[in-house]
């Protein structure tokens, strides 16, 4: 059974370098199955497939990496 929930956020993660910066932070969050950033979207949507991670967990880590993030 797939119990993952999809979380979406608006960010200012705008390029491959930004993604490289945020990757180790998001990889530290327990309970994230997968994540990606749509840098082509004007809102730079971060989509997280979360098994057990909460939106607060994800937002805290992205902020810790130095980026802006808010629920989409």
Protein backbone atom coordinates (compact mmCIF):
# COMPACT_ATOMS: atom_id res chain seq x y z
CA UNK A 1 0.00 0.00 0.00
CA UNK A 2 1.33 3.40 -0.95
CA UNK A 3 0.80 5.78 1.95
CA UNK A 4 3.05 8.54 0.62
CA UNK A 5 1.54 11.98 0.58
CA UNK A 6 2.46 14.61 -1.98
CA UNK A 7 3.51 17.97 -0.56
CA UNK A 8 3.96 21.01 -2.79
CA UNK A 9 5.78 24.23 -1.96
CA UNK A 10 6.66 27.49 -3.68
CA UNK A 11 10.40 28.14 -3.40
CA UNK A 12 13.19 30.30 -4.77
CA UNK A 13 15.24 27.24 -5.79
CA UNK A 14 15.86 28.34 -9.36
CA UNK A 15 18.78 26.42 -10.87
CA UNK A 16 20.87 23.27 -10.75
CA UNK A 17 23.29 24.93 -8.33
CA UNK A 18 20.42 25.70 -5.95
CA UNK A 19 19.21 22.12 -6.21
CA UNK A 20 22.75 20.88 -5.46
CA UNK A 21 22.83 23.15 -2.38
CA UNK A 22 19.48 21.96 -1.01
CA UNK A 23 19.97 18.26 -1.82
CA UNK A 24 21.99 17.27 1.28
CA UNK A 25 19.50 19.11 3.51
CA UNK A 26 16.46 17.37 2.04
CA UNK A 27 18.30 14.04 2.07
CA UNK A 28 18.65 14.44 5.87
CA UNK A 29 14.88 14.49 6.35
CA UNK A 30 13.61 11.09 7.41
CA UNK A 31 10.47 10.01 5.62
CA UNK A 32 10.99 11.59 2.19
CA UNK A 33 10.62 9.01 -0.55
CA UNK A 34 11.42 11.36 -3.43
CA UNK A 35 11.51 15.07 -4.25
CA UNK A 36 12.00 17.35 -7.24
CA UNK A 37 11.92 21.03 -8.08
CA UNK A 38 10.20 22.30 -11.21
CA UNK A 39 12.60 25.13 -12.06
CA UNK A 40 10.65 25.86 -15.27
CA UNK A 41 7.59 26.85 -13.21
CA UNK A 42 7.60 30.53 -12.21
CA UNK A 43 6.87 29.50 -8.61
CA UNK A 44 9.75 26.95 -8.58
CA UNK A 45 7.49 24.24 -7.21
CA UNK A 46 9.15 21.73 -4.90
CA UNK A 47 7.20 18.46 -4.93
CA UNK A 48 7.94 16.03 -2.12
CA UNK A 49 6.67 12.46 -1.94
CA UNK A 50 6.63 12.09 1.84
CA UNK A 51 6.21 8.78 3.59
CA UNK A 52 6.38 10.15 7.13
CA UNK A 53 7.95 13.62 6.78
CA UNK A 54 5.73 16.60 7.54
CA UNK A 55 5.46 19.86 5.64
CA UNK A 56 7.11 21.53 8.65
CA UNK A 57 10.09 19.16 8.43
CA UNK A 58 10.60 19.97 4.75
CA UNK A 59 10.15 23.73 5.19
CA UNK A 60 12.60 23.84 8.10
CA UNK A 61 15.31 22.07 6.10
CA UNK A 62 14.85 24.21 2.98
CA UNK A 63 15.08 27.35 5.14
CA UNK A 64 18.17 25.92 6.85
CA UNK A 65 19.72 25.54 3.37
CA UNK A 66 19.11 29.26 2.82
CA UNK A 67 16.07 29.25 0.56
CA UNK A 68 12.58 30.67 0.81
CA UNK A 69 9.71 28.21 0.96
CA UNK A 70 5.96 28.38 1.52
CA UNK A 71 3.08 25.99 0.95
CA UNK A 72 1.93 26.07 -2.67
